[in-house]
Amino acid sequence: MTQAKRILIVEDELDLAEIIADYLRKAGMEAEILSEGTHAVETILAKQPDLVVLDIMLPGKDGLDICREVRAKSDVPIIMETAKVEEIDRLLGLELGADDYLCKPFSPRELVARIKAILRRSTSAAAEERVEDALVLDEETWRARLYGKPLELTRQEFRLLQVLYKRPNRVFSRAQLLDLAFRDDRDVIDRTIDSHIKNIRIKTKAIAPGVDLIRSVYGVGYAFGD
């Protein structure tokens, strides 16, 4: 029998934390709540949950510091919560190492769905070759290979994938991708990014139908990762 996944919810809004916990339990997971940040790092490292739902605004120590400290010692998946839209730039701009984030108010069902998706990726990564290892980008020859097979990319597609690949799980906005991948190319506009992403996905699935190298984050942009 498969052991239930253990989720630690670090959230000082107890009503919200209890709602999240109820949804997780109904989904067959175990849920524990921690309502302050002072001892969060020690608790996460000691209990070793399968995933952490971490609020940014916490008494004692904020979620950004907690995430940084945990990530220095553990690869446990972390989903950040924020009630402030302005925090999104900090989440995207800092090397926090979080796996995903949600803006309050959010649907508990969406949170559970994202948790399940991250746990599936974590489980499959332990049993299968990681996409990061399967993809090879040769910067000198501008050639790409996926699972040993040629991935025929245009130069623009290669540059775009290269930016994402070098920062796995980092979410980039279209504007950031334009600046990093196409700084000297005046013919590329932000919506052209979507077309390049679509083409990369089509070519990827022709080699590995079950693999998506690039993850879309609604309303924000794209990240490298299944």
N, C-alpha and C. Protein backbone atom coordinates (compact mmCIF):
# COMPACT_ATOMS: atom_id res chain seq x y z
N MET A 1 0.84 -1.20 0.00
CA MET A 1 0.00 0.00 0.00
C MET A 1 0.88 1.26 0.00
N THR A 2 0.56 2.21 -0.88
CA THR A 2 1.35 3.43 -0.98
C THR A 2 1.13 4.31 0.24
N GLN A 3 2.22 4.80 0.80
CA GLN A 3 2.11 5.66 1.97
C GLN A 3 1.59 7.04 1.56
N ALA A 4 0.68 7.58 2.37
CA ALA A 4 0.11 8.89 2.08
C ALA A 4 1.19 9.96 2.12
N LYS A 5 1.12 10.90 1.20
CA LYS A 5 2.08 12.01 1.16
C LYS A 5 1.81 12.96 2.33
N ARG A 6 2.88 13.44 2.93
CA ARG A 6 2.76 14.32 4.11
C ARG A 6 3.03 15.77 3.69
N ILE A 7 2.06 16.62 3.94
CA ILE A 7 2.14 18.03 3.57
C ILE A 7 2.19 18.88 4.83
N LEU A 8 3.16 19.77 4.92
CA LEU A 8 3.25 20.71 6.03
C LEU A 8 2.77 22.08 5.55
N ILE A 9 1.75 22.61 6.24
CA ILE A 9 1.18 23.91 5.90
C ILE A 9 1.69 24.94 6.91
N VAL A 10 2.48 25.88 6.44
CA VAL A 10 3.00 26.93 7.32
C VAL A 10 2.19 28.19 7.01
N GLU A 11 1.19 28.44 7.83
CA GLU A 11 0.19 29.48 7.56
C GLU A 11 -0.40 29.98 8.87
N ASP A 12 -0.34 31.31 9.09
CA ASP A 12 -0.87 31.84 10.36
C ASP A 12 -2.36 32.16 10.31
N GLU A 13 -2.97 32.15 9.12
CA GLU A 13 -4.42 32.28 9.03
C GLU A 13 -5.02 30.89 9.25
N LEU A 14 -5.41 30.61 10.47
CA LEU A 14 -5.79 29.25 10.84
C LEU A 14 -7.02 28.76 10.09
N ASP A 15 -7.97 29.65 9.81
CA ASP A 15 -9.16 29.23 9.06
C ASP A 15 -8.76 28.73 7.68
N LEU A 16 -7.88 29.48 7.01
CA LEU A 16 -7.40 29.07 5.69
C LEU A 16 -6.59 27.79 5.79
N ALA A 17 -5.73 27.71 6.79
CA ALA A 17 -4.90 26.51 6.95
C ALA A 17 -5.76 25.26 7.15
N GLU A 18 -6.83 25.40 7.93
CA GLU A 18 -7.71 24.25 8.18
C GLU A 18 -8.46 23.85 6.91
N ILE A 19 -8.85 24.83 6.11
CA ILE A 19 -9.53 24.52 4.85
C ILE A 19 -8.59 23.76 3.92
N ILE A 20 -7.35 24.25 3.82
CA ILE A 20 -6.36 23.57 2.97
C ILE A 20 -6.13 22.15 3.48
N ALA A 21 -6.00 22.00 4.80
CA ALA A 21 -5.76 20.68 5.39
C ALA A 21 -6.91 19.74 5.08
N ASP A 22 -8.15 20.23 5.18
CA ASP A 22 -9.32 19.38 4.88
C ASP A 22 -9.31 18.90 3.44
N TYR A 23 -8.99 19.81 2.52
CA TYR A 23 -8.94 19.43 1.10
C TYR A 23 -7.84 18.39 0.85
N LEU A 24 -6.70 18.57 1.51
CA LEU A 24 -5.60 17.62 1.32
C LEU A 24 -5.97 16.25 1.87
N ARG A 25 -6.61 16.21 3.02
CA ARG A 25 -7.01 14.93 3.61
C ARG A 25 -8.04 14.22 2.75
N LYS A 26 -8.97 15.00 2.18
CA LYS A 26 -9.95 14.39 1.27
C LYS A 26 -9.28 13.84 0.02
N ALA A 27 -8.12 14.40 -0.32
CA ALA A 27 -7.36 13.93 -1.49
C ALA A 27 -6.42 12.77 -1.13
N GLY A 28 -6.51 12.30 0.12
CA GLY A 28 -5.72 11.14 0.53
C GLY A 28 -4.35 11.46 1.06
N MET A 29 -4.11 12.71 1.43
CA MET A 29 -2.81 13.10 1.97
C MET A 29 -2.91 13.38 3.46
N GLU A 30 -1.76 13.41 4.11
CA GLU A 30 -1.70 13.82 5.51
C GLU A 30 -1.31 15.29 5.56
N ALA A 31 -1.93 16.03 6.48
CA ALA A 31 -1.67 17.47 6.56
C ALA A 31 -1.41 17.88 8.00
N GLU A 32 -0.37 18.69 8.18
CA GLU A 32 -0.03 19.24 9.49
C GLU A 32 0.13 20.75 9.34
N ILE A 33 -0.28 21.49 10.37
CA ILE A 33 -0.27 22.94 10.31
C ILE A 33 0.74 23.52 11.29
N LEU A 34 1.51 24.49 10.81
CA LEU A 34 2.42 25.27 11.66
C LEU A 34 2.03 26.73 11.47
N SER A 35 1.71 27.43 12.56
CA SER A 35 1.09 28.75 12.45
C SER A 35 2.07 29.92 12.63
N GLU A 36 3.34 29.65 12.77
CA GLU A 36 4.32 30.74 12.90
C GLU A 36 5.63 30.35 12.22
N GLY A 37 6.49 31.37 12.00
CA GLY A 37 7.69 31.11 11.23
C GLY A 37 8.96 30.92 12.03
N THR A 38 8.91 31.19 13.33
CA THR A 38 10.12 31.19 14.14
C THR A 38 10.88 29.87 14.06
N HIS A 39 10.15 28.77 14.19
CA HIS A 39 10.80 27.45 14.21
C HIS A 39 10.49 26.64 12.94
N ALA A 40 10.06 27.34 11.89
CA ALA A 40 9.62 26.64 10.67
C ALA A 40 10.76 25.86 10.02
N VAL A 41 11.93 26.48 9.91
CA VAL A 41 13.06 25.81 9.26
C VAL A 41 13.42 24.52 9.98
N GLU A 42 13.55 24.61 11.30
CA GLU A 42 13.89 23.43 12.10
C GLU A 42 12.82 22.35 11.96
N THR A 43 11.54 22.76 11.95
CA THR A 43 10.44 21.81 11.84
C THR A 43 10.45 21.10 10.49
N ILE A 44 10.66 21.87 9.42
CA ILE A 44 10.68 21.29 8.08
C ILE A 44 11.82 20.29 7.93
N LEU A 45 13.00 20.66 8.41
CA LEU A 45 14.16 19.78 8.28
C LEU A 45 14.02 18.53 9.14
N ALA A 46 13.36 18.67 10.31
CA ALA A 46 13.21 17.54 11.21
C ALA A 46 12.12 16.58 10.74
N LYS A 47 11.00 17.11 10.30
CA LYS A 47 9.87 16.27 9.91
C LYS A 47 9.99 15.73 8.50
N GLN A 48 10.74 16.42 7.64
CA GLN A 48 10.96 16.00 6.25
C GLN A 48 9.64 15.66 5.54
N PRO A 49 8.75 16.63 5.43
CA PRO A 49 7.50 16.37 4.72
C PRO A 49 7.75 16.17 3.23
N ASP A 50 6.74 15.69 2.53
CA ASP A 50 6.87 15.49 1.08
C ASP A 50 6.72 16.80 0.33
N LEU A 51 6.06 17.79 0.95
CA LEU A 51 5.90 19.11 0.32
C LEU A 51 5.51 20.10 1.40
N VAL A 52 5.91 21.36 1.19
CA VAL A 52 5.59 22.44 2.14
C VAL A 52 4.78 23.52 1.43
N VAL A 53 3.65 23.88 2.05
CA VAL A 53 2.89 25.05 1.60
C VAL A 53 3.28 26.18 2.55
N LEU A 54 3.89 27.23 2.01
CA LEU A 54 4.54 28.23 2.85
C LEU A 54 4.03 29.64 2.55
N ASP A 55 3.42 30.27 3.55
CA ASP A 55 2.96 31.65 3.41
C ASP A 55 4.15 32.60 3.53
N ILE A 56 4.08 33.74 2.86
CA ILE A 56 5.18 34.71 2.96
C ILE A 56 5.10 35.50 4.26
N MET A 57 3.91 36.02 4.57
CA MET A 57 3.74 36.86 5.75
C MET A 57 3.45 35.99 6.96
N LEU A 58 4.45 35.79 7.81
CA LEU A 58 4.33 34.95 8.99
C LEU A 58 4.90 35.67 10.21
N PRO A 59 4.35 35.42 11.38
CA PRO A 59 4.97 35.97 12.60
C PRO A 59 6.26 35.23 12.92
N GLY A 60 7.25 35.95 13.38
CA GLY A 60 8.52 35.34 13.77
C GLY A 60 9.57 35.37 12.70
N LYS A 61 9.27 34.83 11.52
CA LYS A 61 10.21 34.82 10.39
C LYS A 61 9.39 34.69 9.12
N ASP A 62 9.69 35.52 8.12
CA ASP A 62 8.85 35.49 6.92
C ASP A 62 9.21 34.31 6.02
N GLY A 63 8.26 34.03 5.11
CA GLY A 63 8.40 32.86 4.25
C GLY A 63 9.56 32.92 3.29
N LEU A 64 9.96 34.12 2.87
CA LEU A 64 11.09 34.25 1.96
C LEU A 64 12.38 33.77 2.62
N ASP A 65 12.59 34.20 3.87
CA ASP A 65 13.78 33.76 4.60
C ASP A 65 13.73 32.26 4.88
N ILE A 66 12.54 31.78 5.23
CA ILE A 66 12.38 30.35 5.51
C ILE A 66 12.72 29.53 4.27
N CYS A 67 12.20 29.95 3.12
CA CYS A 67 12.44 29.23 1.88
C CYS A 67 13.93 29.19 1.56
N ARG A 68 14.60 30.33 1.68
CA ARG A 68 16.04 30.38 1.40
C ARG A 68 16.83 29.43 2.31
N GLU A 69 16.50 29.46 3.60
CA GLU A 69 17.24 28.64 4.56
C GLU A 69 16.98 27.15 4.36
N VAL A 70 15.73 26.81 4.09
CA VAL A 70 15.40 25.40 3.85
C VAL A 70 16.07 24.91 2.58
N ARG A 71 16.02 25.72 1.52
CA ARG A 71 16.57 25.29 0.24
C ARG A 71 18.08 25.06 0.30
N ALA A 72 18.76 25.73 1.23
CA ALA A 72 20.20 25.54 1.38
C ALA A 72 20.53 24.16 1.92
N LYS A 73 19.52 23.50 2.53
CA LYS A 73 19.78 22.20 3.16
C LYS A 73 18.86 21.08 2.68
N SER A 74 17.83 21.41 1.92
CA SER A 74 16.85 20.40 1.54
C SER A 74 16.25 20.71 0.17
N ASP A 75 15.88 19.65 -0.57
CA ASP A 75 15.22 19.80 -1.86
C ASP A 75 13.72 19.60 -1.76
N VAL A 76 13.15 19.65 -0.55
CA VAL A 76 11.72 19.45 -0.39
C VAL A 76 10.95 20.45 -1.26
N PRO A 77 9.95 20.00 -2.01
CA PRO A 77 9.16 20.94 -2.82
C PRO A 77 8.45 21.97 -1.96
N ILE A 78 8.43 23.22 -2.42
CA ILE A 78 7.82 24.32 -1.67
C ILE A 78 6.90 25.11 -2.59
N ILE A 79 5.66 25.31 -2.13
CA ILE A 79 4.72 26.19 -2.81
C ILE A 79 4.52 27.42 -1.92
N MET A 80 4.81 28.59 -2.47
CA MET A 80 4.67 29.83 -1.70
C MET A 80 3.27 30.41 -1.86
N GLU A 81 2.77 31.03 -0.80
CA GLU A 81 1.52 31.79 -0.84
C GLU A 81 1.85 33.26 -0.61
N THR A 82 1.16 34.15 -1.32
CA THR A 82 1.33 35.57 -1.07
C THR A 82 0.01 36.30 -1.23
N ALA A 83 -0.23 37.27 -0.36
CA ALA A 83 -1.42 38.11 -0.45
C ALA A 83 -1.11 39.43 -1.14
N LYS A 84 0.16 39.65 -1.48
CA LYS A 84 0.59 40.91 -2.07
C LYS A 84 1.07 40.69 -3.50
N VAL A 85 0.41 41.35 -4.44
CA VAL A 85 0.79 41.21 -5.84
C VAL A 85 2.22 41.65 -6.05
N GLU A 86 2.66 42.68 -5.30
CA GLU A 86 4.02 43.19 -5.49
C GLU A 86 5.08 42.17 -5.08
N GLU A 87 4.70 41.16 -4.30
CA GLU A 87 5.66 40.14 -3.90
C GLU A 87 6.03 39.22 -5.06
N ILE A 88 5.19 39.22 -6.12
CA ILE A 88 5.44 38.31 -7.25
C ILE A 88 6.81 38.59 -7.85
N ASP A 89 7.15 39.88 -8.03
CA ASP A 89 8.45 40.22 -8.60
C ASP A 89 9.59 39.70 -7.74
N ARG A 90 9.40 39.73 -6.42
CA ARG A 90 10.44 39.22 -5.53
C ARG A 90 10.55 37.71 -5.66
N LEU A 91 9.40 37.06 -5.81
CA LEU A 91 9.43 35.61 -5.96
C LEU A 91 10.13 35.21 -7.25
N LEU A 92 9.91 35.99 -8.30
CA LEU A 92 10.52 35.68 -9.59
C LEU A 92 11.97 36.13 -9.65
N GLY A 93 12.29 37.21 -8.97
CA GLY A 93 13.60 37.80 -9.11
C GLY A 93 14.65 37.25 -8.18
N LEU A 94 14.26 36.68 -7.04
CA LEU A 94 15.23 36.17 -6.09
C LEU A 94 15.47 34.69 -6.30
N GLU A 95 16.65 34.25 -5.93
CA GLU A 95 16.99 32.84 -6.06
C GLU A 95 16.48 32.09 -4.82
N LEU A 96 15.17 31.98 -4.73
CA LEU A 96 14.57 31.35 -3.55
C LEU A 96 14.55 29.83 -3.65
N GLY A 97 14.33 29.34 -4.85
CA GLY A 97 14.25 27.90 -5.01
C GLY A 97 12.88 27.32 -4.79
N ALA A 98 11.83 28.16 -4.69
CA ALA A 98 10.47 27.65 -4.56
C ALA A 98 10.05 26.98 -5.86
N ASP A 99 9.15 26.00 -5.75
CA ASP A 99 8.71 25.26 -6.92
C ASP A 99 7.50 25.89 -7.61
N ASP A 100 6.72 26.64 -6.83
CA ASP A 100 5.51 27.26 -7.39
C ASP A 100 5.01 28.29 -6.39
N TYR A 101 4.03 29.09 -6.81
CA TYR A 101 3.42 30.03 -5.88
C TYR A 101 1.98 30.29 -6.28
N LEU A 102 1.19 30.75 -5.31
CA LEU A 102 -0.20 31.12 -5.55
C LEU A 102 -0.47 32.45 -4.87
N CYS A 103 -1.30 33.28 -5.52
CA CYS A 103 -1.70 34.55 -4.93
C CYS A 103 -3.04 34.39 -4.22
N LYS A 104 -3.12 34.92 -3.02
CA LYS A 104 -4.37 34.90 -2.29
C LYS A 104 -5.31 35.98 -2.84
N PRO A 105 -6.63 35.72 -2.86
CA PRO A 105 -7.27 34.45 -2.52
C PRO A 105 -7.13 33.44 -3.65
N PHE A 106 -7.02 32.18 -3.30
CA PHE A 106 -6.90 31.14 -4.32
C PHE A 106 -7.86 30.00 -4.00
N SER A 107 -8.10 29.20 -5.00
CA SER A 107 -8.98 28.05 -4.82
C SER A 107 -8.21 26.90 -4.17
N PRO A 108 -8.72 26.34 -3.07
CA PRO A 108 -8.05 25.17 -2.47
C PRO A 108 -7.91 24.01 -3.46
N ARG A 109 -8.88 23.90 -4.36
CA ARG A 109 -8.81 22.84 -5.36
C ARG A 109 -7.61 23.04 -6.28
N GLU A 110 -7.36 24.30 -6.66
CA GLU A 110 -6.19 24.58 -7.50
C GLU A 110 -4.91 24.26 -6.76
N LEU A 111 -4.85 24.61 -5.48
CA LEU A 111 -3.66 24.30 -4.69
C LEU A 111 -3.42 22.80 -4.63
N VAL A 112 -4.48 22.03 -4.39
CA VAL A 112 -4.35 20.57 -4.33
C VAL A 112 -3.87 20.03 -5.68
N ALA A 113 -4.40 20.58 -6.77
CA ALA A 113 -3.99 20.14 -8.11
C ALA A 113 -2.51 20.42 -8.34
N ARG A 114 -2.04 21.58 -7.91
CA ARG A 114 -0.62 21.92 -8.08
C ARG A 114 0.26 21.04 -7.20
N ILE A 115 -0.21 20.76 -6.01
CA ILE A 115 0.55 19.87 -5.12
C ILE A 115 0.68 18.50 -5.75
N LYS A 116 -0.41 17.97 -6.29
CA LYS A 116 -0.37 16.65 -6.93
C LYS A 116 0.59 16.65 -8.12
N ALA A 117 0.57 17.73 -8.90
CA ALA A 117 1.46 17.80 -10.07
C ALA A 117 2.92 17.81 -9.66
N ILE A 118 3.25 18.58 -8.62
CA ILE A 118 4.63 18.64 -8.15
C ILE A 118 5.07 17.31 -7.57
N LEU A 119 4.18 16.66 -6.82
CA LEU A 119 4.52 15.36 -6.24
C LEU A 119 4.72 14.31 -7.32
N ARG A 120 3.91 14.39 -8.38
CA ARG A 120 4.10 13.44 -9.49
C ARG A 120 5.46 13.64 -10.13
N ARG A 121 5.84 14.89 -10.33
CA ARG A 121 7.15 15.16 -10.93
C ARG A 121 8.27 14.69 -10.02
N SER A 122 8.10 14.90 -8.72
CA SER A 122 9.14 14.48 -7.77
C SER A 122 9.28 12.97 -7.76
N THR A 123 8.15 12.27 -7.83
CA THR A 123 8.17 10.81 -7.81
C THR A 123 8.79 10.25 -9.07
N SER A 124 8.37 10.81 -10.23
CA SER A 124 8.90 10.29 -11.49
C SER A 124 10.38 10.60 -11.64
N ALA A 125 10.81 11.73 -11.08
CA ALA A 125 12.23 12.10 -11.20
C ALA A 125 13.11 11.11 -10.47
N ALA A 126 12.59 10.48 -9.42
CA ALA A 126 13.38 9.52 -8.67
C ALA A 126 13.53 8.20 -9.41
N ALA A 127 12.58 7.93 -10.31
CA ALA A 127 12.57 6.64 -10.99
C ALA A 127 13.07 6.72 -12.44
N GLU A 128 12.98 7.90 -13.02
CA GLU A 128 13.33 8.05 -14.42
C GLU A 128 14.43 9.09 -14.59
N GLU A 129 15.00 9.09 -15.77
CA GLU A 129 16.00 10.10 -16.09
C GLU A 129 15.34 11.47 -16.10
N ARG A 130 15.95 12.43 -15.47
CA ARG A 130 15.38 13.77 -15.44
C ARG A 130 15.50 14.42 -16.81
N VAL A 131 14.52 15.27 -17.13
CA VAL A 131 14.56 15.98 -18.40
C VAL A 131 15.81 16.83 -18.48
N GLU A 132 16.21 17.43 -17.34
CA GLU A 132 17.42 18.25 -17.33
C GLU A 132 18.64 17.46 -17.80
N ASP A 133 18.68 16.17 -17.44
CA ASP A 133 19.80 15.33 -17.84
C ASP A 133 19.65 14.82 -19.27
N ALA A 134 18.40 14.68 -19.71
CA ALA A 134 18.13 14.12 -21.04
C ALA A 134 18.35 15.16 -22.14
N LEU A 135 18.25 16.44 -21.80
CA LEU A 135 18.41 17.50 -22.79
C LEU A 135 19.86 17.98 -22.81
N VAL A 136 20.43 18.06 -24.00
CA VAL A 136 21.79 18.55 -24.18
C VAL A 136 21.77 19.71 -25.17
N LEU A 137 22.28 20.86 -24.74
CA LEU A 137 22.37 22.03 -25.61
C LEU A 137 23.84 22.36 -25.83
N ASP A 138 24.27 22.27 -27.08
CA ASP A 138 25.66 22.57 -27.43
C ASP A 138 25.73 24.01 -27.93
N GLU A 139 26.27 24.90 -27.12
CA GLU A 139 26.30 26.32 -27.45
C GLU A 139 27.26 26.63 -28.60
N GLU A 140 28.24 25.80 -28.81
CA GLU A 140 29.21 26.06 -29.89
C GLU A 140 28.64 25.72 -31.26
N THR A 141 27.88 24.65 -31.33
CA THR A 141 27.34 24.21 -32.62
C THR A 141 25.87 24.59 -32.82
N TRP A 142 25.25 25.13 -31.77
CA TRP A 142 23.82 25.48 -31.81
C TRP A 142 22.96 24.26 -32.12
N ARG A 143 23.35 23.13 -31.54
CA ARG A 143 22.58 21.89 -31.74
C ARG A 143 22.04 21.41 -30.40
N ALA A 144 20.87 20.80 -30.48
CA ALA A 144 20.22 20.28 -29.27
C ALA A 144 19.88 18.81 -29.47
N ARG A 145 19.97 18.05 -28.38
CA ARG A 145 19.59 16.64 -28.41
C ARG A 145 18.71 16.34 -27.19
N LEU A 146 17.70 15.52 -27.42
CA LEU A 146 16.78 15.12 -26.35
C LEU A 146 16.71 13.60 -26.33
N TYR A 147 17.08 13.02 -25.20
CA TYR A 147 17.15 11.55 -25.07
C TYR A 147 17.96 10.95 -26.21
N GLY A 148 19.05 11.64 -26.56
CA GLY A 148 19.96 11.12 -27.57
C GLY A 148 19.55 11.39 -29.01
N LYS A 149 18.40 12.02 -29.22
CA LYS A 149 17.92 12.28 -30.57
C LYS A 149 18.03 13.77 -30.89
N PRO A 150 18.32 14.12 -32.15
CA PRO A 150 18.44 15.53 -32.52
C PRO A 150 17.11 16.27 -32.32
N LEU A 151 17.19 17.42 -31.67
CA LEU A 151 16.03 18.29 -31.50
C LEU A 151 16.28 19.49 -32.41
N GLU A 152 15.60 19.49 -33.55
CA GLU A 152 15.88 20.49 -34.59
C GLU A 152 15.22 21.82 -34.24
N LEU A 153 16.01 22.75 -33.73
CA LEU A 153 15.51 24.05 -33.32
C LEU A 153 16.06 25.16 -34.20
N THR A 154 15.26 26.19 -34.43
CA THR A 154 15.79 27.39 -35.08
C THR A 154 16.71 28.10 -34.08
N ARG A 155 17.47 29.06 -34.56
CA ARG A 155 18.40 29.76 -33.66
C ARG A 155 17.63 30.50 -32.56
N GLN A 156 16.50 31.10 -32.91
CA GLN A 156 15.71 31.80 -31.91
C GLN A 156 15.13 30.83 -30.87
N GLU A 157 14.66 29.68 -31.33
CA GLU A 157 14.14 28.68 -30.40
C GLU A 157 15.24 28.16 -29.48
N PHE A 158 16.43 27.96 -30.04
CA PHE A 158 17.56 27.49 -29.25
C PHE A 158 17.90 28.50 -28.16
N ARG A 159 17.98 29.79 -28.53
CA ARG A 159 18.33 30.81 -27.55
C ARG A 159 17.28 30.91 -26.45
N LEU A 160 16.02 30.79 -26.82
CA LEU A 160 14.95 30.87 -25.83
C LEU A 160 15.00 29.68 -24.87
N LEU A 161 15.15 28.49 -25.42
CA LEU A 161 15.23 27.30 -24.58
C LEU A 161 16.47 27.33 -23.70
N GLN A 162 17.55 27.88 -24.23
CA GLN A 162 18.80 27.96 -23.48
C GLN A 162 18.64 28.82 -22.22
N VAL A 163 17.96 29.95 -22.34
CA VAL A 163 17.72 30.82 -21.19
C VAL A 163 16.92 30.08 -20.12
N LEU A 164 15.86 29.41 -20.53
CA LEU A 164 15.02 28.68 -19.57
C LEU A 164 15.77 27.51 -18.95
N TYR A 165 16.51 26.79 -19.78
CA TYR A 165 17.22 25.59 -19.34
C TYR A 165 18.26 25.90 -18.27
N LYS A 166 18.93 27.04 -18.41
CA LYS A 166 19.98 27.39 -17.46
C LYS A 166 19.45 27.74 -16.08
N ARG A 167 18.15 28.03 -15.97
CA ARG A 167 17.55 28.39 -14.69
C ARG A 167 16.31 27.54 -14.47
N PRO A 168 16.44 26.23 -14.26
CA PRO A 168 15.27 25.36 -14.11
C PRO A 168 14.38 25.81 -12.96
N ASN A 169 13.07 25.75 -13.21
CA ASN A 169 12.03 26.12 -12.25
C ASN A 169 11.89 27.62 -12.02
N ARG A 170 12.79 28.42 -12.57
CA ARG A 170 12.66 29.88 -12.49
C ARG A 170 11.61 30.31 -13.52
N VAL A 171 10.63 31.09 -13.08
CA VAL A 171 9.58 31.57 -13.98
C VAL A 171 10.00 32.91 -14.57
N PHE A 172 10.02 32.98 -15.91
CA PHE A 172 10.37 34.21 -16.61
C PHE A 172 9.14 34.80 -17.28
N SER A 173 8.98 36.10 -17.19
CA SER A 173 7.93 36.77 -17.94
C SER A 173 8.36 36.88 -19.39
N ARG A 174 7.41 37.20 -20.28
CA ARG A 174 7.76 37.37 -21.69
C ARG A 174 8.77 38.50 -21.86
N ALA A 175 8.59 39.57 -21.09
CA ALA A 175 9.51 40.71 -21.20
C ALA A 175 10.92 40.31 -20.80
N GLN A 176 11.03 39.50 -19.76
CA GLN A 176 12.35 39.04 -19.32
C GLN A 176 12.99 38.15 -20.38
N LEU A 177 12.20 37.28 -21.00
CA LEU A 177 12.73 36.39 -22.04
C LEU A 177 13.17 37.19 -23.26
N LEU A 178 12.40 38.21 -23.60
CA LEU A 178 12.80 39.08 -24.71
C LEU A 178 14.16 39.72 -24.43
N ASP A 179 14.33 40.21 -23.22
CA ASP A 179 15.56 40.90 -22.86
C ASP A 179 16.75 39.96 -22.80
N LEU A 180 16.54 38.75 -22.30
CA LEU A 180 17.65 37.82 -22.11
C LEU A 180 18.00 37.04 -23.37
N ALA A 181 16.98 36.68 -24.16
CA ALA A 181 17.23 35.82 -25.32
C ALA A 181 17.33 36.59 -26.64
N PHE A 182 16.67 37.75 -26.72
CA PHE A 182 16.59 38.45 -28.00
C PHE A 182 16.91 39.92 -27.87
N ARG A 183 17.88 40.23 -27.04
CA ARG A 183 18.24 41.63 -26.78
C ARG A 183 18.58 42.39 -28.07
N ASP A 184 19.24 41.72 -29.02
CA ASP A 184 19.69 42.38 -30.24
C ASP A 184 18.78 42.10 -31.44
N ASP A 185 17.65 41.47 -31.20
CA ASP A 185 16.75 41.10 -32.30
C ASP A 185 15.50 41.97 -32.22
N ARG A 186 15.43 42.98 -33.05
CA ARG A 186 14.31 43.92 -33.01
C ARG A 186 13.03 43.36 -33.62
N ASP A 187 13.11 42.25 -34.32
CA ASP A 187 11.94 41.68 -34.97
C ASP A 187 11.10 40.81 -34.04
N VAL A 188 11.60 40.58 -32.85
CA VAL A 188 10.89 39.72 -31.91
C VAL A 188 10.08 40.57 -30.94
N ILE A 189 8.79 40.28 -30.81
CA ILE A 189 7.92 40.95 -29.85
C ILE A 189 7.47 39.95 -28.81
N ASP A 190 6.84 40.44 -27.73
CA ASP A 190 6.55 39.54 -26.61
C ASP A 190 5.67 38.37 -27.01
N ARG A 191 4.68 38.60 -27.87
CA ARG A 191 3.79 37.50 -28.25
C ARG A 191 4.48 36.50 -29.18
N THR A 192 5.59 36.90 -29.78
CA THR A 192 6.37 35.95 -30.58
C THR A 192 6.93 34.85 -29.69
N ILE A 193 7.16 35.19 -28.42
CA ILE A 193 7.64 34.19 -27.46
C ILE A 193 6.70 33.00 -27.42
N ASP A 194 5.39 33.28 -27.41
CA ASP A 194 4.40 32.20 -27.35
C ASP A 194 4.53 31.27 -28.56
N SER A 195 4.77 31.85 -29.73
CA SER A 195 4.91 31.03 -30.95
C SER A 195 6.15 30.15 -30.87
N HIS A 196 7.26 30.70 -30.38
CA HIS A 196 8.48 29.91 -30.24
C HIS A 196 8.27 28.78 -29.22
N ILE A 197 7.61 29.08 -28.12
CA ILE A 197 7.34 28.05 -27.11
C ILE A 197 6.49 26.94 -27.72
N LYS A 198 5.48 27.31 -28.47
CA LYS A 198 4.61 26.32 -29.11
C LYS A 198 5.41 25.41 -30.04
N ASN A 199 6.31 26.00 -30.83
CA ASN A 199 7.11 25.21 -31.76
C ASN A 199 8.06 24.27 -31.02
N ILE A 200 8.67 24.77 -29.95
CA ILE A 200 9.56 23.91 -29.16
C ILE A 200 8.78 22.71 -28.61
N ARG A 201 7.58 22.95 -28.13
CA ARG A 201 6.76 21.86 -27.58
C ARG A 201 6.40 20.83 -28.65
N ILE A 202 6.05 21.31 -29.84
CA ILE A 202 5.71 20.39 -30.93
C ILE A 202 6.91 19.50 -31.28
N LYS A 203 8.08 20.12 -31.38
CA LYS A 203 9.29 19.36 -31.72
C LYS A 203 9.69 18.41 -30.60
N THR A 204 9.49 18.83 -29.37
CA THR A 204 9.81 17.98 -28.22
C THR A 204 8.92 16.74 -28.20
N LYS A 205 7.62 16.96 -28.38
CA LYS A 205 6.68 15.84 -28.31
C LYS A 205 6.85 14.87 -29.48
N ALA A 206 7.44 15.34 -30.57
CA ALA A 206 7.72 14.43 -31.69
C ALA A 206 8.77 13.40 -31.29
N ILE A 207 9.64 13.77 -30.34
CA ILE A 207 10.68 12.86 -29.84
C ILE A 207 10.21 12.11 -28.60
N ALA A 208 9.59 12.84 -27.68
CA ALA A 208 9.14 12.26 -26.41
C ALA A 208 7.72 12.74 -26.14
N PRO A 209 6.71 12.00 -26.59
CA PRO A 209 5.31 12.44 -26.50
C PRO A 209 4.86 12.82 -25.08
N GLY A 210 5.41 12.19 -24.07
CA GLY A 210 4.97 12.47 -22.71
C GLY A 210 5.74 13.57 -22.00
N VAL A 211 6.63 14.25 -22.72
CA VAL A 211 7.51 15.24 -22.09
C VAL A 211 7.15 16.64 -22.55
N ASP A 212 7.06 17.56 -21.60
CA ASP A 212 6.91 18.98 -21.91
C ASP A 212 8.05 19.71 -21.22
N LEU A 213 8.99 20.21 -22.00
CA LEU A 213 10.16 20.87 -21.43
C LEU A 213 9.81 22.17 -20.74
N ILE A 214 8.76 22.83 -21.19
CA ILE A 214 8.45 24.18 -20.71
C ILE A 214 7.09 24.21 -20.04
N ARG A 215 7.07 24.78 -18.85
CA ARG A 215 5.83 24.89 -18.07
C ARG A 215 5.29 26.32 -18.18
N SER A 216 3.99 26.43 -18.47
CA SER A 216 3.33 27.74 -18.52
C SER A 216 2.81 28.11 -17.14
N VAL A 217 3.02 29.34 -16.74
CA VAL A 217 2.47 29.86 -15.49
C VAL A 217 1.50 30.96 -15.87
N TYR A 218 0.22 30.71 -15.70
CA TYR A 218 -0.82 31.59 -16.19
C TYR A 218 -0.65 33.01 -15.67
N GLY A 219 -0.68 33.95 -16.59
CA GLY A 219 -0.60 35.35 -16.23
C GLY A 219 0.81 35.84 -15.93
N VAL A 220 1.79 34.95 -15.96
CA VAL A 220 3.16 35.36 -15.61
C VAL A 220 4.13 35.08 -16.75
N GLY A 221 4.29 33.81 -17.12
CA GLY A 221 5.25 33.49 -18.16
C GLY A 221 5.55 32.02 -18.24
N TYR A 222 6.85 31.68 -18.36
CA TYR A 222 7.25 30.31 -18.61
C TYR A 222 8.45 29.91 -17.73
N ALA A 223 8.55 28.58 -17.52
CA ALA A 223 9.68 28.03 -16.77
C ALA A 223 10.10 26.72 -17.41
N PHE A 224 11.37 26.37 -17.26
CA PHE A 224 11.84 25.08 -17.75
C PHE A 224 11.48 24.01 -16.74
N GLY A 225 10.86 22.93 -17.21
CA GLY A 225 10.50 21.83 -16.33
C GLY A 225 9.19 21.22 -16.77
N ASP A 226 9.09 19.91 -16.55
CA ASP A 226 7.89 19.17 -16.96
C ASP A 226 6.71 19.60 -16.09
